[in-house]
């Protein structure tokens, strides 16, 4: 993988992770690094899921794929935030 691929994966992970944090109500006590990692994982799994259901290759913005990625990031952020809150208690 080239450096541009790594940088774009980090940027997309940050974007998807940040959007995932925005859709989850309340404050999440997880780091930015975990948010980026959740975003990267959600982007990869969301893209795979969108290709499985046949909506990954469309003209323009893939809104269904993006919604799937953000939803998965929200689930991941919520799971990590709940796990962290249990560890602190």
Foldseek 3Di string as FASTA:
>chain_A
DDPVVVVVLQVQLLVLLVLLCVVADDDFPDDSVQSSVQLSVLLVVLLVVCVVVPQNDDPDDSVSSSVSSSPSSNVSSVVVSVVVVVVVD
